Amino acid sequence: MKKESANALAWFAAILLFVGLLIMSPSGAFALFVLAALFAAVPAIFSQKKTRIVAAVLLLVSILFAVSKYPEFRSEQDRFRSRAKNTSTK
Protein backbone atom coordinates (compact mmCIF):
# COMPACT_ATOMS: atom_id res chain seq x y z
CA MET A 1 0.00 0.00 0.00
CA LYS A 2 1.27 3.46 -0.85
CA LYS A 3 2.37 5.50 2.13
CA GLU A 4 0.20 8.46 1.12
CA SER A 5 -2.91 6.28 0.90
CA ALA A 6 -2.24 4.72 4.30
CA ASN A 7 -1.66 8.14 5.85
CA ALA A 8 -4.87 9.49 4.31
CA LEU A 9 -6.89 6.57 5.67
CA ALA A 10 -5.36 6.98 9.13
CA TRP A 11 -6.08 10.72 9.13
CA PHE A 12 -9.63 10.11 7.97
CA ALA A 13 -10.14 7.56 10.77
CA ALA A 14 -8.86 10.12 13.29
CA ILE A 15 -11.24 12.76 11.92
CA LEU A 16 -14.17 10.33 12.12
CA LEU A 17 -13.28 9.56 15.73
CA PHE A 18 -13.21 13.25 16.59
CA VAL A 19 -16.53 13.95 14.87
CA GLY A 20 -18.04 10.89 16.55
CA LEU A 21 -17.12 12.36 19.92
CA LEU A 22 -18.92 15.59 19.02
CA ILE A 23 -22.17 13.97 17.85
CA MET A 24 -24.87 13.78 20.52
CA SER A 25 -26.89 11.02 18.86
CA PRO A 26 -25.82 7.54 19.98
CA SER A 27 -26.68 6.12 16.55
CA GLY A 28 -24.61 8.70 14.73
CA ALA A 29 -21.66 8.38 17.08
CA PHE A 30 -21.76 4.58 16.92
CA ALA A 31 -21.87 4.65 13.11
CA LEU A 32 -18.87 7.00 12.94
CA PHE A 33 -16.88 4.89 15.39
CA VAL A 34 -17.53 1.78 13.30
CA LEU A 35 -16.54 3.65 10.12
CA ALA A 36 -13.38 4.88 11.83
CA ALA A 37 -12.53 1.30 12.75
CA LEU A 38 -13.01 0.21 9.15
CA PHE A 39 -10.84 3.01 7.81
CA ALA A 40 -8.14 2.37 10.42
CA ALA A 41 -8.11 -1.40 9.80
CA VAL A 42 -6.69 -1.16 6.29
CA PRO A 43 -3.52 0.79 7.15
CA ALA A 44 -3.16 -1.22 10.37
CA ILE A 45 -2.80 -4.33 8.22
CA PHE A 46 -1.11 -3.18 5.02
CA SER A 47 1.03 -0.10 5.73
CA GLN A 48 4.58 0.61 6.84
CA LYS A 49 5.75 0.48 10.45
CA LYS A 50 5.01 3.99 11.79
CA THR A 51 1.66 4.33 10.04
CA ARG A 52 0.77 0.78 11.04
CA ILE A 53 1.31 1.58 14.72
CA VAL A 54 -0.74 4.77 14.53
CA ALA A 55 -3.50 3.01 12.63
CA ALA A 56 -3.52 0.13 15.13
CA VAL A 57 -3.94 2.63 17.98
CA LEU A 58 -6.75 4.36 16.08
CA LEU A 59 -8.37 0.98 15.43
CA LEU A 60 -8.20 0.03 19.09
CA VAL A 61 -9.57 3.41 20.24
CA SER A 62 -12.41 3.33 17.72
CA ILE A 63 -13.38 -0.19 18.78
CA LEU A 64 -13.34 0.83 22.44
CA PHE A 65 -15.49 3.89 21.72
CA ALA A 66 -17.93 1.80 19.67
CA VAL A 67 -18.21 -0.81 22.42
CA SER A 68 -18.80 1.89 25.04
CA LYS A 69 -21.47 3.59 22.89
CA TYR A 70 -23.30 0.37 21.94
CA PRO A 71 -25.66 0.20 24.97
CA GLU A 72 -26.85 3.76 24.31
CA PHE A 73 -27.23 2.94 20.61
CA ARG A 74 -29.24 -0.18 21.42
CA SER A 75 -31.48 1.71 23.84
CA GLU A 76 -32.13 4.43 21.27
CA GLN A 77 -32.98 1.84 18.62
CA ASP A 78 -35.37 0.05 20.99
CA ARG A 79 -37.15 3.33 21.77
CA PHE A 80 -37.36 4.12 18.06
CA ARG A 81 -38.72 0.65 17.28
CA SER A 82 -41.43 0.86 19.94
CA ARG A 83 -42.40 4.40 18.88
CA ALA A 84 -42.62 3.32 15.25
CA LYS A 85 -44.71 0.30 16.21
CA ASN A 86 -47.09 2.45 18.26
CA THR A 87 -47.55 5.06 15.54
CA SER A 88 -47.99 2.51 12.75
CA THR A 89 -50.82 0.73 14.56
CA LYS A 90 -52.89 3.90 15.04
C-alpha atoms as a PDB file:
ATOM      1  CA  MET A   1       0.000   0.000   0.000  1.00  0.00           C
ATOM      2  CA  LYS A   2       1.268   3.461  -0.847  1.00  0.00           C
ATOM      3  CA  LYS A   3       2.373   5.501   2.132  1.00  0.00           C
ATOM      4  CA  GLU A   4       0.199   8.463   1.115  1.00  0.00           C
ATOM      5  CA  SER A   5      -2.905   6.276   0.901  1.00  0.00           C
ATOM      6  CA  ALA A   6      -2.244   4.724   4.297  1.00  0.00           C
ATOM      7  CA  ASN A   7      -1.659   8.138   5.849  1.00  0.00           C
ATOM      8  CA  ALA A   8      -4.866   9.487   4.312  1.00  0.00           C
ATOM      9  CA  LEU A   9      -6.894   6.567   5.670  1.00  0.00           C
ATOM     10  CA  ALA A  10      -5.361   6.981   9.132  1.00  0.00           C
ATOM     11  CA  TRP A  11      -6.084  10.720   9.133  1.00  0.00           C
ATOM     12  CA  PHE A  12      -9.631  10.105   7.972  1.00  0.00           C
ATOM     13  CA  ALA A  13     -10.142   7.561  10.766  1.00  0.00           C
ATOM     14  CA  ALA A  14      -8.860  10.119  13.285  1.00  0.00           C
ATOM     15  CA  ILE A  15     -11.244  12.763  11.922  1.00  0.00           C
ATOM     16  CA  LEU A  16     -14.168  10.333  12.119  1.00  0.00           C
ATOM     17  CA  LEU A  17     -13.280   9.557  15.730  1.00  0.00           C
ATOM     18  CA  PHE A  18     -13.206  13.253  16.589  1.00  0.00           C
ATOM     19  CA  VAL A  19     -16.526  13.949  14.868  1.00  0.00           C
ATOM     20  CA  GLY A  20     -18.043  10.892  16.554  1.00  0.00           C
ATOM     21  CA  LEU A  21     -17.125  12.355  19.921  1.00  0.00           C
ATOM     22  CA  LEU A  22     -18.919  15.591  19.016  1.00  0.00           C
ATOM     23  CA  ILE A  23     -22.172  13.967  17.853  1.00  0.00           C
ATOM     24  CA  MET A  24     -24.866  13.785  20.517  1.00  0.00           C
ATOM     25  CA  SER A  25     -26.892  11.019  18.859  1.00  0.00           C
ATOM     26  CA  PRO A  26     -25.819   7.535  19.981  1.00  0.00           C
ATOM     27  CA  SER A  27     -26.682   6.124  16.549  1.00  0.00           C
ATOM     28  CA  GLY A  28     -24.605   8.704  14.726  1.00  0.00           C
ATOM     29  CA  ALA A  29     -21.659   8.383  17.078  1.00  0.00           C
ATOM     30  CA  PHE A  30     -21.755   4.584  16.923  1.00  0.00           C
ATOM     31  CA  ALA A  31     -21.865   4.654  13.108  1.00  0.00           C
ATOM     32  CA  LEU A  32     -18.875   7.000  12.941  1.00  0.00           C
ATOM     33  CA  PHE A  33     -16.875   4.892  15.390  1.00  0.00           C
ATOM     34  CA  VAL A  34     -17.525   1.779  13.298  1.00  0.00           C
ATOM     35  CA  LEU A  35     -16.541   3.649  10.123  1.00  0.00           C
ATOM     36  CA  ALA A  36     -13.383   4.884  11.834  1.00  0.00           C
ATOM     37  CA  ALA A  37     -12.534   1.302  12.752  1.00  0.00           C
ATOM     38  CA  LEU A  38     -13.005   0.210   9.147  1.00  0.00           C
ATOM     39  CA  PHE A  39     -10.842   3.013   7.809  1.00  0.00           C
ATOM     40  CA  ALA A  40      -8.136   2.370  10.418  1.00  0.00           C
ATOM     41  CA  ALA A  41      -8.105  -1.396   9.803  1.00  0.00           C
ATOM     42  CA  VAL A  42      -6.692  -1.162   6.289  1.00  0.00           C
ATOM     43  CA  PRO A  43      -3.518   0.786   7.145  1.00  0.00           C
ATOM     44  CA  ALA A  44      -3.161  -1.222  10.366  1.00  0.00           C
ATOM     45  CA  ILE A  45      -2.800  -4.334   8.223  1.00  0.00           C
ATOM     46  CA  PHE A  46      -1.114  -3.177   5.023  1.00  0.00           C
ATOM     47  CA  SER A  47       1.029  -0.097   5.727  1.00  0.00           C
ATOM     48  CA  GLN A  48       4.576   0.614   6.840  1.00  0.00           C
ATOM     49  CA  LYS A  49       5.753   0.484  10.447  1.00  0.00           C
ATOM     50  CA  LYS A  50       5.009   3.991  11.793  1.00  0.00           C
ATOM     51  CA  THR A  51       1.657   4.333  10.043  1.00  0.00           C
ATOM     52  CA  ARG A  52       0.771   0.780  11.043  1.00  0.00           C
ATOM     53  CA  ILE A  53       1.312   1.576  14.720  1.00  0.00           C
ATOM     54  CA  VAL A  54      -0.738   4.774  14.534  1.00  0.00           C
ATOM     55  CA  ALA A  55      -3.505   3.005  12.626  1.00  0.00           C
ATOM     56  CA  ALA A  56      -3.521   0.133  15.126  1.00  0.00           C
ATOM     57  CA  VAL A  57      -3.941   2.626  17.980  1.00  0.00           C
ATOM     58  CA  LEU A  58      -6.749   4.359  16.077  1.00  0.00           C
ATOM     59  CA  LEU A  59      -8.369   0.977  15.428  1.00  0.00           C
ATOM     60  CA  LEU A  60      -8.196   0.034  19.091  1.00  0.00           C
ATOM     61  CA  VAL A  61      -9.568   3.405  20.238  1.00  0.00           C
ATOM     62  CA  SER A  62     -12.410   3.331  17.720  1.00  0.00           C
ATOM     63  CA  ILE A  63     -13.383  -0.193  18.777  1.00  0.00           C
ATOM     64  CA  LEU A  64     -13.343   0.830  22.440  1.00  0.00           C
ATOM     65  CA  PHE A  65     -15.493   3.885  21.717  1.00  0.00           C
ATOM     66  CA  ALA A  66     -17.932   1.796  19.673  1.00  0.00           C
ATOM     67  CA  VAL A  67     -18.213  -0.807  22.424  1.00  0.00           C
ATOM     68  CA  SER A  68     -18.804   1.886  25.039  1.00  0.00           C
ATOM     69  CA  LYS A  69     -21.467   3.589  22.892  1.00  0.00           C
ATOM     70  CA  TYR A  70     -23.296   0.373  21.936  1.00  0.00           C
ATOM     71  CA  PRO A  71     -25.661   0.195  24.974  1.00  0.00           C
ATOM     72  CA  GLU A  72     -26.853   3.755  24.313  1.00  0.00           C
ATOM     73  CA  PHE A  73     -27.231   2.941  20.614  1.00  0.00           C
ATOM     74  CA  ARG A  74     -29.240  -0.179  21.421  1.00  0.00           C
ATOM     75  CA  SER A  75     -31.482   1.714  23.837  1.00  0.00           C
ATOM     76  CA  GLU A  76     -32.125   4.430  21.265  1.00  0.00           C
ATOM     77  CA  GLN A  77     -32.977   1.844  18.624  1.00  0.00           C
ATOM     78  CA  ASP A  78     -35.370   0.054  20.987  1.00  0.00           C
ATOM     79  CA  ARG A  79     -37.149   3.334  21.775  1.00  0.00           C
ATOM     80  CA  PHE A  80     -37.364   4.122  18.057  1.00  0.00           C
ATOM     81  CA  ARG A  81     -38.718   0.651  17.277  1.00  0.00           C
ATOM     82  CA  SER A  82     -41.425   0.865  19.942  1.00  0.00           C
ATOM     83  CA  ARG A  83     -42.398   4.399  18.882  1.00  0.00           C
ATOM     84  CA  ALA A  84     -42.616   3.316  15.247  1.00  0.00           C
ATOM     85  CA  LYS A  85     -44.706   0.295  16.211  1.00  0.00           C
ATOM     86  CA  ASN A  86     -47.088   2.450  18.260  1.00  0.00           C
ATOM     87  CA  THR A  87     -47.545   5.059  15.543  1.00  0.00           C
ATOM     88  CA  SER A  88     -47.989   2.510  12.752  1.00  0.00           C
ATOM     89  CA  THR A  89     -50.822   0.733  14.562  1.00  0.00           C
ATOM     90  CA  LYS A  90     -52.891   3.905  15.044  1.00  0.00           C
END
